[in-house]
C-alpha atoms as a PDB file:
ATOM      1  CA  MET A   1      25.984 -45.084 -20.075  1.00  0.00           C
ATOM      2  CA  SER A   2      24.614 -43.710 -23.306  1.00  0.00           C
ATOM      3  CA  ASP A   3      26.114 -40.275 -22.538  1.00  0.00           C
ATOM      4  CA  LEU A   4      29.506 -41.840 -21.803  1.00  0.00           C
ATOM      5  CA  LYS A   5      29.468 -43.805 -25.052  1.00  0.00           C
ATOM      6  CA  ALA A   6      28.540 -40.664 -26.947  1.00  0.00           C
ATOM      7  CA  ARG A   7      31.464 -38.775 -25.453  1.00  0.00           C
ATOM      8  CA  ARG A   8      33.882 -41.632 -26.336  1.00  0.00           C
ATOM      9  CA  THR A   9      32.598 -41.738 -29.921  1.00  0.00           C
ATOM     10  CA  LEU A  10      32.971 -37.973 -30.258  1.00  0.00           C
ATOM     11  CA  LEU A  11      36.536 -38.051 -28.847  1.00  0.00           C
ATOM     12  CA  SER A  12      37.466 -40.928 -31.155  1.00  0.00           C
ATOM     13  CA  SER A  13      36.126 -39.084 -34.221  1.00  0.00           C
ATOM     14  CA  GLY A  14      37.952 -35.924 -33.210  1.00  0.00           C
ATOM     15  CA  ALA A  15      41.227 -37.800 -32.864  1.00  0.00           C
ATOM     16  CA  LYS A  16      40.822 -39.336 -36.341  1.00  0.00           C
ATOM     17  CA  LEU A  17      39.978 -35.932 -37.814  1.00  0.00           C
ATOM     18  CA  ALA A  18      43.014 -34.355 -36.168  1.00  0.00           C
ATOM     19  CA  ALA A  19      45.232 -37.160 -37.425  1.00  0.00           C
ATOM     20  CA  GLY A  20      43.863 -36.691 -40.949  1.00  0.00           C
ATOM     21  CA  THR A  21      44.397 -32.939 -40.751  1.00  0.00           C
ATOM     22  CA  LEU A  22      47.991 -33.327 -39.595  1.00  0.00           C
ATOM     23  CA  LEU A  23      48.880 -36.132 -42.027  1.00  0.00           C
ATOM     24  CA  PRO A  24      50.149 -33.900 -44.889  1.00  0.00           C
ATOM     25  CA  LEU A  25      52.521 -32.185 -42.446  1.00  0.00           C
ATOM     26  CA  SER A  26      54.324 -35.504 -42.053  1.00  0.00           C
ATOM     27  CA  LEU A  27      55.295 -35.519 -45.772  1.00  0.00           C
ATOM     28  CA  PRO A  28      58.880 -34.583 -46.677  1.00  0.00           C
ATOM     29  CA  PRO A  29      59.140 -30.798 -47.346  1.00  0.00           C
ATOM     30  CA  PRO A  30      59.756 -31.129 -51.131  1.00  0.00           C
ATOM     31  CA  LEU A  31      56.695 -33.346 -51.597  1.00  0.00           C
ATOM     32  CA  LEU A  32      54.592 -31.115 -49.372  1.00  0.00           C
ATOM     33  CA  ALA A  33      55.634 -28.074 -51.412  1.00  0.00           C
ATOM     34  CA  GLN A  34      54.724 -29.843 -54.650  1.00  0.00           C
ATOM     35  CA  ALA A  35      51.334 -30.784 -53.245  1.00  0.00           C
ATOM     36  CA  LYS A  36      50.583 -27.129 -52.529  1.00  0.00           C
ATOM     37  CA  LYS A  37      51.960 -25.597 -55.742  1.00  0.00           C
ATOM     38  CA  ALA A  38      50.743 -25.804 -59.310  1.00  0.00           C
ATOM     39  CA  TRP A  39      53.186 -25.259 -62.182  1.00  0.00           C
ATOM     40  CA  PRO A  40      54.099 -22.597 -63.097  1.00  0.00           C
ATOM     41  CA  GLU A  41      54.145 -20.362 -60.024  1.00  0.00           C
ATOM     42  CA  ARG A  42      57.013 -18.192 -61.222  1.00  0.00           C
ATOM     43  CA  PRO A  43      58.720 -17.175 -64.486  1.00  0.00           C
ATOM     44  CA  VAL A  44      60.134 -19.921 -66.703  1.00  0.00           C
ATOM     45  CA  LYS A  45      63.743 -19.631 -67.887  1.00  0.00           C
ATOM     46  CA  LEU A  46      64.372 -20.239 -71.595  1.00  0.00           C
ATOM     47  CA  VAL A  47      68.017 -21.074 -72.287  1.00  0.00           C
ATOM     48  CA  LEU A  48      69.495 -20.231 -75.701  1.00  0.00           C
ATOM     49  CA  GLY A  49      72.908 -21.531 -76.718  1.00  0.00           C
ATOM     50  CA  TYR A  50      73.710 -18.571 -78.969  1.00  0.00           C
ATOM     51  CA  PRO A  51      74.189 -14.801 -78.497  1.00  0.00           C
ATOM     52  CA  THR A  52      71.388 -12.274 -78.852  1.00  0.00           C
ATOM     53  CA  GLY A  53      70.430 -11.251 -82.357  1.00  0.00           C
ATOM     54  CA  GLY A  54      71.133 -14.590 -84.029  1.00  0.00           C
ATOM     55  CA  ALA A  55      68.944 -17.249 -85.585  1.00  0.00           C
ATOM     56  CA  ALA A  56      67.935 -18.595 -82.165  1.00  0.00           C
ATOM     57  CA  ASP A  57      66.517 -15.227 -81.170  1.00  0.00           C
ATOM     58  CA  ALA A  58      64.895 -14.745 -84.561  1.00  0.00           C
ATOM     59  CA  VAL A  59      62.804 -17.901 -84.317  1.00  0.00           C
ATOM     60  CA  ALA A  60      62.167 -17.878 -80.552  1.00  0.00           C
ATOM     61  CA  ARG A  61      61.061 -14.287 -80.018  1.00  0.00           C
ATOM     62  CA  PRO A  62      57.921 -14.515 -82.185  1.00  0.00           C
ATOM     63  CA  MET A  63      56.599 -17.294 -79.908  1.00  0.00           C
ATOM     64  CA  GLN A  64      57.405 -15.606 -76.598  1.00  0.00           C
ATOM     65  CA  SER A  65      54.228 -13.642 -75.874  1.00  0.00           C
ATOM     66  CA  LYS A  66      51.941 -16.481 -76.983  1.00  0.00           C
ATOM     67  CA  ILE A  67      53.709 -19.023 -74.771  1.00  0.00           C
ATOM     68  CA  GLU A  68      53.579 -16.581 -71.856  1.00  0.00           C
ATOM     69  CA  ALA A  69      49.848 -16.162 -72.349  1.00  0.00           C
ATOM     70  CA  ALA A  70      49.352 -19.925 -72.438  1.00  0.00           C
ATOM     71  CA  ILE A  71      51.303 -20.711 -69.258  1.00  0.00           C
ATOM     72  CA  GLY A  72      50.426 -17.537 -67.371  1.00  0.00           C
ATOM     73  CA  GLN A  73      54.018 -16.601 -66.514  1.00  0.00           C
ATOM     74  CA  PRO A  74      56.851 -14.640 -68.141  1.00  0.00           C
ATOM     75  CA  LEU A  75      59.340 -16.514 -70.326  1.00  0.00           C
ATOM     76  CA  ILE A  76      62.785 -15.169 -69.433  1.00  0.00           C
ATOM     77  CA  PHE A  77      65.474 -15.582 -72.101  1.00  0.00           C
ATOM     78  CA  GLU A  78      68.874 -16.603 -70.727  1.00  0.00           C
ATOM     79  CA  TYR A  79      71.786 -16.712 -73.142  1.00  0.00           C
ATOM     80  CA  LYS A  80      74.534 -19.326 -72.686  1.00  0.00           C
ATOM     81  CA  PRO A  81      76.563 -19.068 -75.913  1.00  0.00           C
ATOM     82  CA  GLY A  82      79.725 -20.930 -76.815  1.00  0.00           C
ATOM     83  CA  ALA A  83      81.213 -24.256 -77.890  1.00  0.00           C
ATOM     84  CA  GLY A  84      78.693 -24.829 -80.652  1.00  0.00           C
ATOM     85  CA  ALA A  85      75.786 -24.237 -78.243  1.00  0.00           C
ATOM     86  CA  THR A  86      76.871 -27.162 -76.056  1.00  0.00           C
ATOM     87  CA  ILE A  87      77.336 -24.820 -73.067  1.00  0.00           C
ATOM     88  CA  GLY A  88      73.620 -24.062 -73.107  1.00  0.00           C
ATOM     89  CA  ALA A  89      72.763 -27.740 -73.478  1.00  0.00           C
ATOM     90  CA  GLU A  90      75.052 -28.680 -70.574  1.00  0.00           C
ATOM     91  CA  PHE A  91      73.473 -25.988 -68.398  1.00  0.00           C
ATOM     92  CA  THR A  92      69.995 -27.308 -69.142  1.00  0.00           C
ATOM     93  CA  ALA A  93      70.939 -30.951 -68.595  1.00  0.00           C
ATOM     94  CA  LYS A  94      72.161 -30.085 -65.076  1.00  0.00           C
ATOM     95  CA  ALA A  95      69.127 -27.970 -64.133  1.00  0.00           C
ATOM     96  CA  ALA A  96      66.420 -29.125 -61.734  1.00  0.00           C
ATOM     97  CA  PRO A  97      63.669 -31.024 -63.611  1.00  0.00           C
ATOM     98  CA  ASP A  98      60.922 -28.781 -62.250  1.00  0.00           C
ATOM     99  CA  GLY A  99      59.822 -27.174 -65.503  1.00  0.00           C
ATOM    100  CA  TYR A 100      61.370 -23.799 -64.698  1.00  0.00           C
ATOM    101  CA  THR A 101      64.415 -24.269 -66.955  1.00  0.00           C
ATOM    102  CA  ILE A 102      63.875 -25.259 -70.581  1.00  0.00           C
ATOM    103  CA  HIS A 103      66.135 -25.025 -73.615  1.00  0.00           C
ATOM    104  CA  TYR A 104      65.382 -23.701 -77.085  1.00  0.00           C
ATOM    105  CA  ALA A 105      67.904 -25.915 -78.827  1.00  0.00           C
ATOM    106  CA  ASP A 106      68.864 -26.619 -82.395  1.00  0.00           C
ATOM    107  CA  SER A 107      70.058 -29.891 -83.866  1.00  0.00           C
ATOM    108  CA  GLY A 108      73.746 -28.924 -83.655  1.00  0.00           C
ATOM    109  CA  PRO A 109      74.442 -29.616 -79.957  1.00  0.00           C
ATOM    110  CA  ILE A 110      71.813 -32.369 -79.788  1.00  0.00           C
ATOM    111  CA  ALA A 111      72.144 -34.430 -82.987  1.00  0.00           C
ATOM    112  CA  ILE A 112      75.440 -33.439 -84.625  1.00  0.00           C
ATOM    113  CA  LEU A 113      78.198 -32.638 -82.119  1.00  0.00           C
ATOM    114  CA  PRO A 114      77.525 -35.622 -79.814  1.00  0.00           C
ATOM    115  CA  ASN A 115      78.711 -37.847 -82.676  1.00  0.00           C
ATOM    116  CA  GLY A 116      82.258 -36.520 -82.563  1.00  0.00           C
ATOM    117  CA  LYS A 117      82.791 -34.631 -79.325  1.00  0.00           C
ATOM    118  CA  LYS A 118      83.043 -35.737 -75.702  1.00  0.00           C
ATOM    119  CA  LEU A 119      80.254 -33.997 -73.808  1.00  0.00           C
ATOM    120  CA  SER A 120      78.985 -34.033 -70.241  1.00  0.00           C
ATOM    121  CA  TYR A 121      75.454 -34.831 -71.398  1.00  0.00           C
ATOM    122  CA  ASP A 122      73.781 -37.611 -73.346  1.00  0.00           C
ATOM    123  CA  PRO A 123      71.603 -36.230 -76.181  1.00  0.00           C
ATOM    124  CA  VAL A 124      68.891 -38.823 -75.491  1.00  0.00           C
ATOM    125  CA  LYS A 125      69.096 -39.600 -71.778  1.00  0.00           C
ATOM    126  CA  SER A 126      69.856 -36.137 -70.385  1.00  0.00           C
ATOM    127  CA  PHE A 127      66.782 -34.338 -71.706  1.00  0.00           C
ATOM    128  CA  SER A 128      62.994 -34.347 -71.659  1.00  0.00           C
ATOM    129  CA  PRO A 129      61.874 -33.759 -75.275  1.00  0.00           C
ATOM    130  CA  ILE A 130      59.041 -31.224 -75.448  1.00  0.00           C
ATOM    131  CA  GLY A 131      58.588 -30.603 -79.162  1.00  0.00           C
ATOM    132  CA  ILE A 132      60.095 -29.552 -82.506  1.00  0.00           C
ATOM    133  CA  ALA A 133      59.156 -25.944 -83.283  1.00  0.00           C
ATOM    134  CA  CYS A 134      60.439 -25.420 -86.801  1.00  0.00           C
ATOM    135  CA  SER A 135      62.849 -26.732 -89.390  1.00  0.00           C
ATOM    136  CA  GLY A 136      64.642 -25.438 -92.439  1.00  0.00           C
ATOM    137  CA  GLY A 137      67.605 -25.917 -94.697  1.00  0.00           C
ATOM    138  CA  THR A 138      70.657 -23.834 -95.372  1.00  0.00           C
ATOM    139  CA  ALA A 139      71.239 -21.774 -98.490  1.00  0.00           C
ATOM    140  CA  LEU A 140      74.040 -22.624-100.893  1.00  0.00           C
ATOM    141  CA  VAL A 141      75.131 -19.133-101.892  1.00  0.00           C
ATOM    142  CA  ALA A 142      77.953 -17.782-104.008  1.00  0.00           C
ATOM    143  CA  HIS A 143      79.905 -14.585-104.574  1.00  0.00           C
ATOM    144  CA  PRO A 144      78.819 -12.845-107.810  1.00  0.00           C
ATOM    145  CA  SER A 145      82.214 -13.661-109.358  1.00  0.00           C
ATOM    146  CA  VAL A 146      81.335 -17.371-109.378  1.00  0.00           C
ATOM    147  CA  THR A 147      80.064 -18.149-112.871  1.00  0.00           C
ATOM    148  CA  ALA A 148      77.736 -20.970-111.810  1.00  0.00           C
ATOM    149  CA  ASN A 149      74.029 -20.247-111.333  1.00  0.00           C
ATOM    150  CA  ASN A 150      72.733 -23.726-110.556  1.00  0.00           C
ATOM    151  CA  LEU A 151      73.864 -27.176-109.411  1.00  0.00           C
ATOM    152  CA  GLU A 152      74.871 -28.452-112.849  1.00  0.00           C
ATOM    153  CA  GLU A 153      77.093 -25.447-113.543  1.00  0.00           C
ATOM    154  CA  LEU A 154      78.595 -25.570-110.043  1.00  0.00           C
ATOM    155  CA  LEU A 155      79.507 -29.242-110.357  1.00  0.00           C
ATOM    156  CA  ARG A 156      81.190 -28.495-113.661  1.00  0.00           C
ATOM    157  CA  LEU A 157      83.378 -25.879-111.970  1.00  0.00           C
ATOM    158  CA  ILE A 158      84.216 -28.101-108.986  1.00  0.00           C
ATOM    159  CA  ARG A 159      85.121 -31.104-111.127  1.00  0.00           C
ATOM    160  CA  ALA A 160      87.314 -29.015-113.390  1.00  0.00           C
ATOM    161  CA  LYS A 161      89.713 -28.507-110.454  1.00  0.00           C
ATOM    162  CA  PRO A 162      89.280 -31.298-107.866  1.00  0.00           C
ATOM    163  CA  GLY A 163      90.066 -29.897-104.427  1.00  0.00           C
ATOM    164  CA  GLY A 164      90.413 -26.382-105.799  1.00  0.00           C
ATOM    165  CA  MET A 165      87.038 -24.963-104.717  1.00  0.00           C
ATOM    166  CA  THR A 166      86.579 -23.717-101.146  1.00  0.00           C
ATOM    167  CA  TYR A 167      83.360 -23.327 -99.214  1.00  0.00           C
ATOM    168  CA  GLY A 168      82.745 -21.487 -95.973  1.00  0.00           C
ATOM    169  CA  THR A 169      80.483 -22.292 -93.039  1.00  0.00           C
ATOM    170  CA  SER A 170      79.688 -20.941 -89.591  1.00  0.00           C
ATOM    171  CA  GLY A 171      82.061 -23.480 -88.053  1.00  0.00           C
ATOM    172  CA  ILE A 172      83.095 -27.098 -87.652  1.00  0.00           C
ATOM    173  CA  GLY A 173      80.153 -29.312 -86.775  1.00  0.00           C
ATOM    174  CA  GLY A 174      77.502 -26.770 -87.703  1.00  0.00           C
ATOM    175  CA  ALA A 175      74.564 -27.358 -90.011  1.00  0.00           C
ATOM    176  CA  GLY A 176      76.412 -25.743 -92.929  1.00  0.00           C
ATOM    177  CA  HIS A 177      79.480 -27.927 -92.446  1.00  0.00           C
ATOM    178  CA  LEU A 178      77.433 -31.116 -92.407  1.00  0.00           C
ATOM    179  CA  ALA A 179      75.458 -29.961 -95.439  1.00  0.00           C
ATOM    180  CA  GLY A 180      78.747 -29.406 -97.266  1.00  0.00           C
ATOM    181  CA  GLU A 181      80.064 -32.835 -96.338  1.00  0.00           C
ATOM    182  CA  LEU A 182      76.840 -34.534 -97.420  1.00  0.00           C
ATOM    183  CA  PHE A 183      76.964 -32.555-100.669  1.00  0.00           C
ATOM    184  CA  GLN A 184      80.495 -33.792-101.430  1.00  0.00           C
ATOM    185  CA  SER A 185      79.568 -37.356-100.528  1.00  0.00           C
ATOM    186  CA  MET A 186      76.510 -37.454-102.767  1.00  0.00           C
ATOM    187  CA  THR A 187      78.134 -35.635-105.705  1.00  0.00           C
ATOM    188  CA  ARG A 188      81.470 -37.450-105.318  1.00  0.00           C
ATOM    189  CA  THR A 189      83.339 -34.179-105.383  1.00  0.00           C
ATOM    190  CA  GLU A 190      86.086 -32.716-103.221  1.00  0.00           C
ATOM    191  CA  MET A 191      86.171 -29.168-101.832  1.00  0.00           C
ATOM    192  CA  VAL A 192      88.135 -27.415 -99.088  1.00  0.00           C
ATOM    193  CA  HIS A 193      86.150 -26.491 -95.969  1.00  0.00           C
ATOM    194  CA  VAL A 194      86.833 -23.058 -94.461  1.00  0.00           C
ATOM    195  CA  PRO A 195      85.186 -22.830 -91.013  1.00  0.00           C
ATOM    196  CA  TYR A 196      84.492 -19.443 -89.441  1.00  0.00           C
ATOM    197  CA  LYS A 197      83.550 -18.434 -85.912  1.00  0.00           C
ATOM    198  CA  GLY A 198      79.908 -17.908 -86.709  1.00  0.00           C
ATOM    199  CA  GLY A 199      77.618 -17.240 -89.646  1.00  0.00           C
ATOM    200  CA  GLY A 200      78.172 -13.468 -89.495  1.00  0.00           C
ATOM    201  CA  PRO A 201      81.947 -13.571 -90.053  1.00  0.00           C
ATOM    202  CA  ALA A 202      81.476 -16.196 -92.775  1.00  0.00           C
ATOM    203  CA  MET A 203      79.029 -13.959 -94.636  1.00  0.00           C
ATOM    204  CA  VAL A 204      81.429 -10.984 -94.389  1.00  0.00           C
ATOM    205  CA  GLU A 205      84.110 -13.107 -96.069  1.00  0.00           C
ATOM    206  CA  LEU A 206      81.726 -14.197 -98.826  1.00  0.00           C
ATOM    207  CA  LEU A 207      80.637 -10.607 -99.467  1.00  0.00           C
ATOM    208  CA  GLY A 208      84.297  -9.606 -99.702  1.00  0.00           C
ATOM    209  CA  GLY A 209      85.122 -12.407-102.113  1.00  0.00           C
ATOM    210  CA  GLN A 210      87.556 -14.159 -99.753  1.00  0.00           C
ATOM    211  CA  VAL A 211      85.527 -17.367-100.097  1.00  0.00           C
ATOM    212  CA  PRO A 212      83.480 -18.229-103.214  1.00  0.00           C
ATOM    213  CA  LEU A 213      80.796 -20.472-101.713  1.00  0.00           C
ATOM    214  CA  LEU A 214      78.945 -20.579 -98.426  1.00  0.00           C
ATOM    215  CA  PHE A 215      76.462 -22.946 -96.853  1.00  0.00           C
ATOM    216  CA  ALA A 216      74.653 -20.279 -94.831  1.00  0.00           C
ATOM    217  CA  SER A 217      71.725 -20.208 -92.430  1.00  0.00           C
ATOM    218  CA  MET A 218      68.573 -18.700 -93.907  1.00  0.00           C
ATOM    219  CA  PRO A 219      68.377 -15.691 -91.550  1.00  0.00           C
ATOM    220  CA  THR A 220      71.979 -14.828 -92.462  1.00  0.00           C
ATOM    221  CA  ALA A 221      71.628 -15.352 -96.208  1.00  0.00           C
ATOM    222  CA  VAL A 222      68.158 -14.119 -97.165  1.00  0.00           C
ATOM    223  CA  PRO A 223      68.713 -10.327 -96.715  1.00  0.00           C
ATOM    224  CA  HIS A 224      71.864 -10.403 -98.876  1.00  0.00           C
ATOM    225  CA  ILE A 225      70.196 -12.570-101.515  1.00  0.00           C
ATOM    226  CA  LYS A 226      67.265 -10.178-101.754  1.00  0.00           C
ATOM    227  CA  SER A 227      69.588  -7.176-101.976  1.00  0.00           C
ATOM    228  CA  GLY A 228      71.443  -8.819-104.865  1.00  0.00           C
ATOM    229  CA  LYS A 229      74.823  -8.771-103.115  1.00  0.00           C
ATOM    230  CA  ILE A 230      75.172 -12.553-103.389  1.00  0.00           C
ATOM    231  CA  LYS A 231      73.458 -15.197-105.477  1.00  0.00           C
ATOM    232  CA  VAL A 232      71.700 -18.309-104.314  1.00  0.00           C
ATOM    233  CA  LEU A 233      72.263 -21.591-106.144  1.00  0.00           C
ATOM    234  CA  ALA A 234      70.022 -23.889-104.102  1.00  0.00           C
ATOM    235  CA  VAL A 235      68.518 -24.637-100.723  1.00  0.00           C
ATOM    236  CA  THR A 236      69.367 -27.808 -98.832  1.00  0.00           C
ATOM    237  CA  SER A 237      65.899 -28.630 -97.474  1.00  0.00           C
ATOM    238  CA  ALA A 238      63.672 -31.306 -98.987  1.00  0.00           C
ATOM    239  CA  THR A 239      61.146 -28.681-100.096  1.00  0.00           C
ATOM    240  CA  ARG A 240      61.501 -25.052-101.136  1.00  0.00           C
ATOM    241  CA  SER A 241      61.768 -22.381 -98.486  1.00  0.00           C
ATOM    242  CA  SER A 242      58.924 -19.908 -98.004  1.00  0.00           C
ATOM    243  CA  ALA A 243      61.570 -17.196 -97.701  1.00  0.00           C
ATOM    244  CA  LEU A 244      63.028 -18.120-101.133  1.00  0.00           C
ATOM    245  CA  PRO A 245      60.137 -19.693-103.053  1.00  0.00           C
ATOM    246  CA  GLN A 246      61.816 -19.226-106.453  1.00  0.00           C
ATOM    247  CA  THR A 247      64.948 -21.133-105.423  1.00  0.00           C
ATOM    248  CA  ALA A 248      65.039 -24.824-106.295  1.00  0.00           C
ATOM    249  CA  THR A 249      66.254 -27.422-103.819  1.00  0.00           C
ATOM    250  CA  LEU A 250      69.334 -29.512-104.531  1.00  0.00           C
ATOM    251  CA  ALA A 251      67.024 -32.526-104.823  1.00  0.00           C
ATOM    252  CA  GLU A 252      64.975 -30.764-107.516  1.00  0.00           C
ATOM    253  CA  GLN A 253      68.155 -30.005-109.427  1.00  0.00           C
ATOM    254  CA  GLY A 254      69.098 -33.665-109.674  1.00  0.00           C
ATOM    255  CA  LEU A 255      70.616 -34.548-106.311  1.00  0.00           C
ATOM    256  CA  VAL A 256      67.772 -36.927-105.507  1.00  0.00           C
ATOM    257  CA  GLY A 257      67.252 -37.608-101.821  1.00  0.00           C
ATOM    258  CA  PHE A 258      69.437 -34.746-100.611  1.00  0.00           C
ATOM    259  CA  GLU A 259      68.179 -33.155 -97.408  1.00  0.00           C
ATOM    260  CA  ALA A 260      70.215 -31.232 -94.850  1.00  0.00           C
ATOM    261  CA  THR A 261      68.042 -29.344 -92.425  1.00  0.00           C
ATOM    262  CA  ILE A 262      68.383 -27.766 -89.041  1.00  0.00           C
ATOM    263  CA  TRP A 263      65.578 -27.890 -86.507  1.00  0.00           C
ATOM    264  CA  TRP A 264      64.761 -25.862 -83.429  1.00  0.00           C
ATOM    265  CA  GLY A 265      62.832 -27.300 -80.524  1.00  0.00           C
ATOM    266  CA  LEU A 266      62.128 -27.234 -76.814  1.00  0.00           C
ATOM    267  CA  LEU A 267      63.913 -29.567 -74.405  1.00  0.00           C
ATOM    268  CA  GLY A 268      64.091 -29.718 -70.643  1.00  0.00           C
ATOM    269  CA  PRO A 269      66.317 -31.608 -68.247  1.00  0.00           C
ATOM    270  CA  ALA A 270      65.504 -35.307 -67.908  1.00  0.00           C
ATOM    271  CA  GLY A 271      62.783 -36.113 -65.427  1.00  0.00           C
ATOM    272  CA  ILE A 272      60.289 -33.292 -65.940  1.00  0.00           C
ATOM    273  CA  ALA A 273      56.787 -34.426 -64.996  1.00  0.00           C
ATOM    274  CA  SER A 274      54.758 -35.511 -68.026  1.00  0.00           C
ATOM    275  CA  ASP A 275      51.929 -33.066 -67.294  1.00  0.00           C
ATOM    276  CA  ILE A 276      54.379 -30.132 -67.355  1.00  0.00           C
ATOM    277  CA  VAL A 277      55.917 -31.412 -70.594  1.00  0.00           C
ATOM    278  CA  GLN A 278      52.452 -31.595 -72.119  1.00  0.00           C
ATOM    279  CA  LYS A 279      51.560 -28.058 -70.979  1.00  0.00           C
ATOM    280  CA  LEU A 280      54.748 -26.691 -72.527  1.00  0.00           C
ATOM    281  CA  ASN A 281      54.141 -28.624 -75.732  1.00  0.00           C
ATOM    282  CA  SER A 282      50.574 -27.328 -75.970  1.00  0.00           C
ATOM    283  CA  ALA A 283      51.768 -23.758 -75.345  1.00  0.00           C
ATOM    284  CA  MET A 284      54.388 -23.995 -78.098  1.00  0.00           C
ATOM    285  CA  ASN A 285      51.952 -25.517 -80.589  1.00  0.00           C
ATOM    286  CA  ALA A 286      49.381 -22.823 -79.782  1.00  0.00           C
ATOM    287  CA  ALA A 287      51.991 -20.150 -80.469  1.00  0.00           C
ATOM    288  CA  LEU A 288      53.013 -21.709 -83.787  1.00  0.00           C
ATOM    289  CA  SER A 289      49.359 -22.023 -84.809  1.00  0.00           C
ATOM    290  CA  ASP A 290      48.994 -18.239 -84.656  1.00  0.00           C
ATOM    291  CA  PRO A 291      49.161 -16.923 -88.257  1.00  0.00           C
ATOM    292  CA  GLN A 292      51.334 -13.927 -87.333  1.00  0.00           C
ATOM    293  CA  VAL A 293      53.825 -16.056 -85.417  1.00  0.00           C
ATOM    294  CA  ALA A 294      53.963 -18.626 -88.211  1.00  0.00           C
ATOM    295  CA  GLU A 295      54.606 -15.911 -90.796  1.00  0.00           C
ATOM    296  CA  LYS A 296      57.460 -14.430 -88.741  1.00  0.00           C
ATOM    297  CA  VAL A 297      59.068 -17.865 -88.459  1.00  0.00           C
ATOM    298  CA  ARG A 298      58.684 -18.446 -92.205  1.00  0.00           C
ATOM    299  CA  SER A 299      60.243 -15.058 -92.955  1.00  0.00           C
ATOM    300  CA  GLN A 300      63.422 -16.371 -91.326  1.00  0.00           C
ATOM    301  CA  GLY A 301      63.507 -19.335 -93.695  1.00  0.00           C
ATOM    302  CA  TYR A 302      62.040 -21.945 -91.369  1.00  0.00           C
ATOM    303  CA  GLU A 303      58.773 -23.858 -91.532  1.00  0.00           C
ATOM    304  CA  PRO A 304      56.664 -24.068 -88.337  1.00  0.00           C
ATOM    305  CA  ILE A 305      55.972 -27.606 -87.129  1.00  0.00           C
ATOM    306  CA  LEU A 306      53.213 -28.790 -84.801  1.00  0.00           C
ATOM    307  CA  SER A 307      54.670 -31.763 -82.966  1.00  0.00           C
ATOM    308  CA  THR A 308      54.448 -33.976 -79.910  1.00  0.00           C
ATOM    309  CA  PRO A 309      57.146 -34.845 -77.355  1.00  0.00           C
ATOM    310  CA  ALA A 310      57.344 -38.277 -79.012  1.00  0.00           C
ATOM    311  CA  ASP A 311      57.960 -36.629 -82.405  1.00  0.00           C
ATOM    312  CA  CYS A 312      60.800 -34.639 -80.876  1.00  0.00           C
ATOM    313  CA  ALA A 313      62.380 -37.721 -79.306  1.00  0.00           C
ATOM    314  CA  ALA A 314      62.157 -39.644 -82.598  1.00  0.00           C
ATOM    315  CA  ARG A 315      63.725 -36.773 -84.569  1.00  0.00           C
ATOM    316  CA  ILE A 316      66.704 -36.632 -82.211  1.00  0.00           C
ATOM    317  CA  VAL A 317      67.345 -40.372 -82.570  1.00  0.00           C
ATOM    318  CA  ALA A 318      66.956 -40.288 -86.366  1.00  0.00           C
ATOM    319  CA  ASP A 319      69.255 -37.286 -86.822  1.00  0.00           C
ATOM    320  CA  LEU A 320      71.896 -38.716 -84.499  1.00  0.00           C
ATOM    321  CA  ALA A 321      72.075 -41.742 -86.787  1.00  0.00           C
ATOM    322  CA  LYS A 322      71.977 -39.749 -90.036  1.00  0.00           C
ATOM    323  CA  TRP A 323      74.676 -37.234 -89.122  1.00  0.00           C
ATOM    324  CA  GLY A 324      76.701 -39.873 -87.326  1.00  0.00           C
ATOM    325  CA  LYS A 325      77.161 -41.684 -90.634  1.00  0.00           C
ATOM    326  CA  VAL A 326      78.154 -38.486 -92.447  1.00  0.00           C
ATOM    327  CA  ILE A 327      80.654 -37.640 -89.701  1.00  0.00           C
ATOM    328  CA  ARG A 328      82.196 -41.110 -89.718  1.00  0.00           C
ATOM    329  CA  ASP A 329      82.379 -41.315 -93.504  1.00  0.00           C
ATOM    330  CA  ALA A 330      84.038 -37.882 -93.732  1.00  0.00           C
ATOM    331  CA  LYS A 331      86.245 -38.618 -90.706  1.00  0.00           C
ATOM    332  CA  ILE A 332      85.197 -35.351 -89.073  1.00  0.00           C
ATOM    333  CA  THR A 333      86.449 -34.591 -85.571  1.00  0.00           C
ATOM    334  CA  PHE A 334      85.210 -31.787 -83.338  1.00  0.00           C
ATOM    335  CA  GLU A 335      87.836 -31.962 -80.631  1.00  0.00           C
ATOM    336  CA  GLY A 336      90.719 -29.542 -80.200  1.00  0.00           C
END
């Protein structure tokens, strides 16, 4: 009897072991695949909402190799330009939340345009915030024929002919446009907005004297300022730019509280696992902590920021409210 009992015990244990071995095979295929794989197993796609060679490239490229080293996979840039970068944002919002598609976005399609344009995505609900990478203002620049050299002299010119001064920007709803509207609101002045199809064409018009003033992105403005082809009157950030340390902010020149900045950050589609979000955030912060990377970002007129996913989420909400008020007060529309 003892031999029989031993055999039964052995058979019973074997059956339990076999059942335990086969148990994972009963999981649905997607869950089974996730159980076997650790992120990232393949290259990660980085979506940019602007063409190559622009500000997005200029501030993303310096981080690329450091992020790749941190996650152990290539970071493949995929350009989805158009419609104020909302095409790239829409593409990201619809992507699978597996951590293999992330978006290097700026505040335009996330915190400005949603206030006045019908979009297929929700700026808060459609994304997983990963982190803010850098932030900076625009440059208020002028053609050399403009006699003003600072805010006080510019306001004198504008007020001498209400509605007679024009200013250019990269387009309706861009950072420069909103900076211009906030400027008029706070100074109680009136100018005529001339939107262009990008910062490059706007700068060409300023250089040619077709428009006297421009609220320009730092990467677009700085080379021409340093060459002496245009003059800078102020920067719109709260603090001076590392790229233009001698240029006073509008706030320093008497427009107390003025701040109009653009930020760049990483977002993914809603629903990315928190551990993947944290790995991406850590990789970005590690890249921005590298002195060479930080210096390259600063040379473009932006200040590196070490942030958390929560910081990113809070910035989106705050900027949606801030620019929403400016847009409503100025009765700006982005449709059509």
